Amino acid sequence: MTDLAVIGGGIIGLSIAWRCIQRGLSVTVYDEGRDDGAWYAAAGMLAPAGETSFGQEPLAELMLESARRWPGFAADLVAATGHELGYDRTGALDVALTSDDLAGLGRLWTLRADPVPRTPTQLRDLEPALSPRIRGGALIPDDHQVDPRRTVAALRQAVGGVVAGTPTGARTVIAAGVGTAQLTGLPIRPVKGLVLRLRGEPGVLRHVINGYVDGRHVYLVPRADGEIVVGATQDERADSTVTAGDVLELLRSATDLVPELAELELAETVVRHRPSTPDNAPVLGRLPGDVYVAAGHHRNGILLAPITADLIADLVVTGRPDPLLAAFAPGRFA
């Protein structure tokens, strides 16, 4: 007999299911098993401080705590499944193309304690493919990355797969991404994002690059097999059209920072929709009855998977909410 039904087979729902199974529950995950969730487009950057802004202290605390849990989460999942997740601790570089971009980066660095400023020459010593035009930046040693597609594949194995259908008669966790709005009435909206995947020989880049190019932000995430993920646009739209303008904008920014990328194969363009809330923070907690919700993670679903899974699994098992959940309760939108 199933103790818990989890609606949603993305990284959030699967992580919750896995942690609940580890706590002794019988869990069934309900999902169509398609790759249409936001996780499929995600680059997998684990950069907690880089995704916060003034006035978001509870979210910043949640992201930092989740980043601290990622090494253990990854190690547990590899041990349970034998899957390699592409978890990489090389670090990231913040890189500015212009003086204005560098000034903007300086303001962002006031929000975090870990940047190590580097001159253009020092940055190119770390990444020789960087353009000689860059004006400066910093090493961010504690920003890591993971491959979301590999991680979801491992989680699917860890939970025994997913099933289609509608759950009945069990406690339920709703972690259905943008579909959570229809199931719960919560204000979760789709935010369109386009991501590109380039393919070349391994070694073009080693670090994740957070680039700032004439006021535009672009990230470059290298994989060990030579793939480089380039992202991402952000539009308040629900369509899935890949526009030439969006591709051009991303490629122009990427090649301004790393000219060699112009020689790589454009292997994939993919649009997915981030589940976002009015304050761009997740909705985590209990709804009326034996129903729980974990959705609305916006740009941070991969980063927040470990802490979300632990908090919701503990809430389901013990009935006692961790104090970290208070700022993300569903009732804040009432």
Protein backbone atom coordinates (compact mmCIF):
# COMPACT_ATOMS: atom_id res chain seq x y z
CA MET A 1 0.00 0.00 0.00
CA THR A 2 1.29 3.45 -0.90
CA ASP A 3 1.89 5.77 2.08
CA LEU A 4 2.55 8.81 -0.08
CA ALA A 5 1.70 9.95 -3.59
CA VAL A 6 3.98 12.52 -5.23
CA ILE A 7 2.50 14.37 -8.20
CA GLY A 8 5.36 15.57 -10.38
CA GLY A 9 8.39 13.72 -11.71
CA GLY A 10 10.85 16.59 -12.05
CA ILE A 11 13.89 17.02 -9.84
CA ILE A 12 11.82 18.44 -6.94
CA GLY A 13 9.17 15.72 -6.87
CA LEU A 14 11.67 12.90 -7.39
CA SER A 15 14.02 14.23 -4.69
CA ILE A 16 11.16 14.43 -2.19
CA ALA A 17 10.04 10.91 -3.10
CA TRP A 18 13.55 9.53 -2.69
CA ARG A 19 14.10 11.13 0.70
CA CYS A 20 10.68 9.89 1.86
CA ILE A 21 11.56 6.35 0.75
CA GLN A 22 14.78 6.63 2.74
CA ARG A 23 12.65 7.54 5.77
CA GLY A 24 10.68 4.33 5.41
CA LEU A 25 7.61 5.40 3.45
CA SER A 26 6.12 3.58 0.47
CA VAL A 27 5.96 6.21 -2.29
CA THR A 28 4.47 6.34 -5.78
CA VAL A 29 5.45 9.14 -8.15
CA TYR A 30 2.77 10.17 -10.65
CA ASP A 31 4.06 11.69 -13.86
CA GLU A 32 3.88 11.08 -17.60
CA GLY A 33 7.63 10.49 -17.66
CA ARG A 34 8.27 13.07 -20.37
CA ASP A 35 11.15 15.52 -20.41
CA ASP A 36 8.96 18.62 -20.49
CA GLY A 37 9.84 20.06 -17.09
CA ALA A 38 12.05 23.05 -16.37
CA TRP A 39 14.82 20.72 -15.16
CA TYR A 40 15.38 19.48 -18.72
CA ALA A 41 16.61 22.89 -19.86
CA ALA A 42 18.44 23.80 -16.65
CA ALA A 43 22.20 24.27 -16.78
CA GLY A 44 22.68 22.98 -13.26
CA MET A 45 24.59 25.91 -11.74
CA LEU A 46 24.82 25.66 -7.95
CA ALA A 47 25.43 29.33 -7.24
CA PRO A 48 23.43 30.40 -4.18
CA ALA A 49 24.72 33.93 -3.66
CA GLY A 50 24.56 34.75 -7.34
CA GLU A 51 20.80 34.25 -7.41
CA THR A 52 19.85 36.48 -4.48
CA SER A 53 19.11 40.19 -4.18
CA PHE A 54 18.47 42.72 -1.44
CA GLY A 55 15.42 41.92 0.66
CA GLN A 56 15.51 38.17 0.01
CA GLU A 57 17.31 37.08 3.18
CA PRO A 58 15.14 33.99 3.88
CA LEU A 59 15.60 32.78 0.30
CA ALA A 60 19.35 33.45 0.50
CA GLU A 61 19.54 31.38 3.70
CA LEU A 62 17.59 28.55 2.07
CA MET A 63 19.85 28.52 -1.01
CA LEU A 64 23.05 28.60 1.03
CA GLU A 65 21.85 25.73 3.18
CA SER A 66 20.88 23.72 0.12
CA ALA A 67 24.30 24.33 -1.44
CA ARG A 68 25.89 22.98 1.72
CA ARG A 69 23.77 19.82 1.39
CA TRP A 70 24.52 19.19 -2.30
CA PRO A 71 27.77 17.23 -1.77
CA GLY A 72 26.05 14.78 0.57
CA PHE A 73 22.95 14.58 -1.61
CA ALA A 74 25.08 13.81 -4.67
CA ALA A 75 27.19 11.24 -2.84
CA ASP A 76 24.10 9.46 -1.50
CA LEU A 77 22.48 9.35 -4.94
CA VAL A 78 25.62 8.03 -6.65
CA ALA A 79 25.97 5.37 -3.96
CA ALA A 80 22.31 4.35 -4.33
CA THR A 81 22.25 4.15 -8.13
CA GLY A 82 25.78 4.08 -9.53
CA HIS A 83 24.91 7.02 -11.79
CA GLU A 84 27.47 9.78 -12.25
CA LEU A 85 25.75 13.15 -11.89
CA GLY A 86 28.34 15.43 -13.44
CA TYR A 87 28.86 17.08 -10.06
CA ASP A 88 31.81 19.46 -10.46
CA ARG A 89 33.49 21.68 -7.85
CA THR A 90 35.88 23.53 -10.18
CA GLY A 91 34.20 26.86 -9.41
CA ALA A 92 32.99 29.79 -11.48
CA LEU A 93 34.32 33.01 -12.92
CA ASP A 94 32.39 36.27 -12.96
CA VAL A 95 33.54 38.05 -16.12
CA ALA A 96 32.77 41.60 -17.31
CA LEU A 97 33.25 42.74 -20.90
CA THR A 98 33.00 46.50 -20.32
CA SER A 99 33.82 48.98 -17.57
CA ASP A 100 30.10 49.46 -16.92
CA ASP A 101 29.65 45.69 -16.65
CA LEU A 102 32.52 45.54 -14.16
CA ALA A 103 30.97 48.31 -12.06
CA GLY A 104 27.70 46.38 -12.02
CA LEU A 105 29.52 43.25 -10.91
CA GLY A 106 31.11 45.19 -8.08
CA ARG A 107 27.66 46.06 -6.78
CA LEU A 108 26.61 42.40 -6.96
CA TRP A 109 29.71 41.33 -5.04
CA THR A 110 28.57 43.36 -2.03
CA LEU A 111 25.87 40.70 -1.55
CA ARG A 112 28.36 37.87 -1.17
CA ALA A 113 31.52 37.12 0.76
CA ASP A 114 33.36 34.75 -1.55
CA PRO A 115 34.44 36.61 -4.75
CA VAL A 116 38.19 36.75 -5.33
CA PRO A 117 38.78 39.68 -7.75
CA ARG A 118 41.01 38.92 -10.73
CA THR A 119 42.61 41.08 -13.41
CA PRO A 120 41.94 40.33 -17.09
CA THR A 121 45.33 38.62 -17.36
CA GLN A 122 44.66 36.48 -14.30
CA LEU A 123 41.24 35.49 -15.66
CA ARG A 124 42.77 34.45 -18.98
CA ASP A 125 45.40 32.45 -17.10
CA LEU A 126 42.50 30.49 -15.61
CA GLU A 127 40.56 30.35 -18.90
CA PRO A 128 42.77 31.04 -21.94
CA ALA A 129 39.77 31.04 -24.31
CA LEU A 130 38.38 34.24 -22.77
CA SER A 131 38.38 37.28 -25.00
CA PRO A 132 41.28 39.77 -24.62
CA ARG A 133 38.56 42.47 -24.47
CA ILE A 134 37.34 41.54 -20.99
CA ARG A 135 37.84 44.23 -18.34
CA GLY A 136 37.91 42.12 -15.18
CA GLY A 137 36.01 39.78 -12.92
CA ALA A 138 36.41 37.37 -10.04
CA LEU A 139 36.89 33.74 -9.13
CA ILE A 140 33.93 32.25 -7.22
CA PRO A 141 35.42 29.04 -5.81
CA ASP A 142 32.32 27.80 -3.99
CA ASP A 143 29.99 27.87 -7.02
CA HIS A 144 29.61 24.33 -8.34
CA GLN A 145 27.56 22.60 -11.04
CA VAL A 146 25.69 19.36 -11.68
CA ASP A 147 24.05 17.86 -14.77
CA PRO A 148 20.27 17.96 -14.16
CA ARG A 149 19.49 15.38 -16.85
CA ARG A 150 21.84 12.85 -15.29
CA THR A 151 20.50 13.67 -11.85
CA VAL A 152 16.88 13.13 -12.86
CA ALA A 153 17.79 9.82 -14.52
CA ALA A 154 19.44 8.69 -11.27
CA LEU A 155 16.46 9.81 -9.19
CA ARG A 156 14.04 7.96 -11.45
CA GLN A 157 16.02 4.80 -10.81
CA ALA A 158 16.22 5.49 -7.07
CA VAL A 159 12.42 5.79 -6.70
CA GLY A 160 11.62 2.85 -8.97
CA GLY A 161 10.26 4.92 -11.85
CA VAL A 162 7.08 6.93 -12.31
CA VAL A 163 3.52 5.98 -13.22
CA ALA A 164 0.78 7.78 -15.12
CA GLY A 165 -2.65 8.31 -13.62
CA THR A 166 -4.40 10.05 -10.75
CA PRO A 167 -3.54 9.17 -7.14
CA THR A 168 -6.29 8.20 -4.71
CA GLY A 169 -6.44 7.58 -1.00
CA ALA A 170 -2.96 8.63 0.10
CA ARG A 171 -1.15 11.57 1.52
CA THR A 172 -0.08 13.68 -1.42
CA VAL A 173 2.80 15.98 -2.27
CA ILE A 174 2.13 18.27 -5.23
CA ALA A 175 5.40 19.15 -6.95
CA ALA A 176 4.15 19.60 -10.49
CA GLY A 177 6.04 22.75 -11.53
CA VAL A 178 3.84 25.15 -13.47
CA GLY A 179 1.06 22.54 -13.32
CA THR A 180 0.82 23.12 -9.58
CA ALA A 181 -1.29 26.24 -10.18
CA GLN A 182 -4.11 24.24 -11.76
CA LEU A 183 -3.98 21.60 -9.01
CA THR A 184 -3.87 23.99 -6.05
CA GLY A 185 -4.96 27.46 -7.15
CA LEU A 186 -1.64 28.89 -5.98
CA PRO A 187 -0.22 31.82 -8.01
CA ILE A 188 2.48 29.93 -9.90
CA ARG A 189 3.10 31.26 -13.41
CA PRO A 190 5.27 30.06 -16.30
CA VAL A 191 8.37 32.10 -17.15
CA LYS A 192 9.80 31.16 -20.54
CA GLY A 193 13.50 30.45 -20.86
CA LEU A 194 15.63 29.48 -23.87
CA VAL A 195 18.86 27.53 -23.42
CA LEU A 196 21.39 26.51 -26.08
CA ARG A 197 23.74 23.56 -26.09
CA LEU A 198 26.98 23.77 -28.03
CA ARG A 199 29.20 20.78 -28.75
CA GLY A 200 32.94 20.64 -29.35
CA GLU A 201 36.09 19.07 -28.02
CA PRO A 202 36.46 18.85 -24.23
CA GLY A 203 38.58 21.48 -22.57
CA VAL A 204 37.44 24.71 -24.24
CA LEU A 205 36.35 25.88 -20.78
CA ARG A 206 36.87 24.46 -17.29
CA HIS A 207 35.00 26.94 -15.09
CA VAL A 208 31.40 28.01 -15.22
CA ILE A 209 31.39 31.52 -16.70
CA ASN A 210 28.94 34.14 -15.40
CA GLY A 211 29.31 36.73 -18.12
CA TYR A 212 28.11 40.33 -18.26
CA VAL A 213 28.12 41.80 -21.76
CA ASP A 214 26.84 45.34 -22.34
CA GLY A 215 24.39 44.92 -19.49
CA ARG A 216 23.24 41.45 -20.54
CA HIS A 217 23.85 38.37 -18.37
CA VAL A 218 24.84 35.12 -20.04
CA TYR A 219 26.18 31.94 -18.45
CA LEU A 220 28.39 29.27 -20.00
CA VAL A 221 28.46 25.89 -18.29
CA PRO A 222 31.03 23.39 -19.60
CA ARG A 223 30.54 19.63 -19.33
CA ALA A 224 33.33 17.08 -19.26
CA ASP A 225 32.25 15.64 -22.64
CA GLY A 226 32.72 18.95 -24.49
CA GLU A 227 29.15 20.22 -24.27
CA ILE A 228 28.72 23.86 -23.24
CA VAL A 229 25.33 25.05 -22.01
CA VAL A 230 24.54 28.67 -22.86
CA GLY A 231 21.69 30.45 -21.18
CA ALA A 232 19.32 31.88 -20.60
CA THR A 233 16.58 34.18 -21.74
CA GLN A 234 13.73 35.07 -19.40
CA ASP A 235 10.32 36.11 -20.73
CA GLU A 236 6.91 36.40 -19.09
CA ARG A 237 5.37 34.24 -21.79
CA ALA A 238 3.84 30.78 -21.98
CA ASP A 239 4.69 29.87 -25.60
CA SER A 240 7.49 27.49 -26.58
CA THR A 241 8.72 29.23 -29.72
CA VAL A 242 12.48 29.40 -30.30
CA THR A 243 13.01 32.81 -31.89
CA ALA A 244 15.97 33.78 -34.05
CA GLY A 245 16.38 36.95 -31.99
CA ASP A 246 16.74 35.08 -28.71
CA VAL A 247 19.27 32.66 -30.20
CA LEU A 248 21.19 35.59 -31.68
CA GLU A 249 21.26 37.45 -28.38
CA LEU A 250 22.64 34.45 -26.48
CA LEU A 251 25.22 33.54 -29.12
CA ARG A 252 26.39 37.14 -29.53
CA SER A 253 26.97 37.50 -25.79
CA ALA A 254 28.62 34.09 -25.52
CA THR A 255 31.03 34.67 -28.40
CA ASP A 256 31.86 38.17 -27.21
CA LEU A 257 33.21 36.51 -24.08
CA VAL A 258 34.67 33.35 -25.68
CA PRO A 259 35.22 33.86 -29.44
CA GLU A 260 36.12 30.19 -29.95
CA LEU A 261 32.51 29.21 -29.28
CA ALA A 262 31.61 30.43 -32.78
CA GLU A 263 33.34 27.31 -34.15
CA LEU A 264 31.28 24.85 -32.07
CA GLU A 265 28.22 22.93 -33.26
CA LEU A 266 24.87 24.36 -32.20
CA ALA A 267 23.53 21.02 -31.02
CA GLU A 268 20.28 21.96 -29.30
CA THR A 269 17.88 24.81 -28.62
CA VAL A 270 15.35 24.11 -25.90
CA VAL A 271 12.58 26.16 -24.32
CA ARG A 272 11.07 25.30 -20.97
CA HIS A 273 9.02 27.24 -18.43
CA ARG A 274 10.24 28.03 -14.94
CA PRO A 275 7.53 27.82 -12.26
CA SER A 276 7.57 31.25 -10.61
CA THR A 277 5.62 32.96 -7.83
CA PRO A 278 4.86 36.66 -7.21
CA ASP A 279 7.96 36.99 -5.00
CA ASN A 280 10.03 34.47 -7.02
CA ALA A 281 10.45 32.27 -3.93
CA PRO A 282 9.17 28.70 -3.65
CA VAL A 283 5.93 27.58 -2.04
CA LEU A 284 6.73 24.92 0.56
CA GLY A 285 4.42 23.50 3.19
CA ARG A 286 1.11 21.94 4.00
CA LEU A 287 -2.26 22.61 2.41
CA PRO A 288 -5.61 21.63 3.97
CA GLY A 289 -5.87 17.88 4.55
CA ASP A 290 -3.00 15.48 3.94
CA VAL A 291 -1.70 17.54 1.04
CA TYR A 292 1.71 19.18 0.80
CA VAL A 293 3.15 21.47 -1.85
CA ALA A 294 6.67 22.08 -3.15
CA ALA A 295 6.72 24.28 -6.24
CA GLY A 296 7.51 27.74 -7.60
CA HIS A 297 11.30 27.43 -7.42
CA HIS A 298 11.79 29.89 -10.32
CA ARG A 299 15.48 29.79 -11.42
CA ASN A 300 16.60 27.71 -8.44
CA GLY A 301 14.97 24.29 -8.71
CA ILE A 302 18.24 22.38 -9.18
CA LEU A 303 20.03 24.23 -6.40
CA LEU A 304 17.11 23.90 -3.96
CA ALA A 305 16.36 20.22 -4.57
CA PRO A 306 18.27 18.83 -1.53
CA ILE A 307 16.87 21.25 1.06
CA THR A 308 13.35 21.05 -0.38
CA ALA A 309 13.44 17.26 -0.27
CA ASP A 310 14.67 17.16 3.33
CA LEU A 311 12.23 19.78 4.62
CA ILE A 312 9.16 18.28 2.94
CA ALA A 313 10.11 14.70 3.78
CA ASP A 314 10.56 15.61 7.44
CA LEU A 315 7.25 17.50 7.44
CA VAL A 316 5.41 14.51 5.93
CA VAL A 317 6.97 12.03 8.35
CA THR A 318 6.87 14.04 11.60
CA GLY A 319 4.10 16.58 10.98
CA ARG A 320 6.37 19.30 12.42
CA PRO A 321 7.47 22.11 10.07
CA ASP A 322 11.10 23.17 10.22
CA PRO A 323 11.50 26.89 11.02
CA LEU A 324 13.10 27.34 7.57
CA LEU A 325 9.69 26.70 6.02
CA ALA A 326 7.96 29.66 7.64
CA ALA A 327 8.92 32.24 5.00
CA PHE A 328 7.73 29.98 2.17
CA ALA A 329 4.33 28.87 3.49
CA PRO A 330 1.49 28.67 0.92
CA GLY A 331 -0.64 30.97 3.06
CA ARG A 332 1.53 33.99 2.36
CA PHE A 333 -0.42 34.58 -0.86
CA ALA A 334 -3.85 34.42 0.76
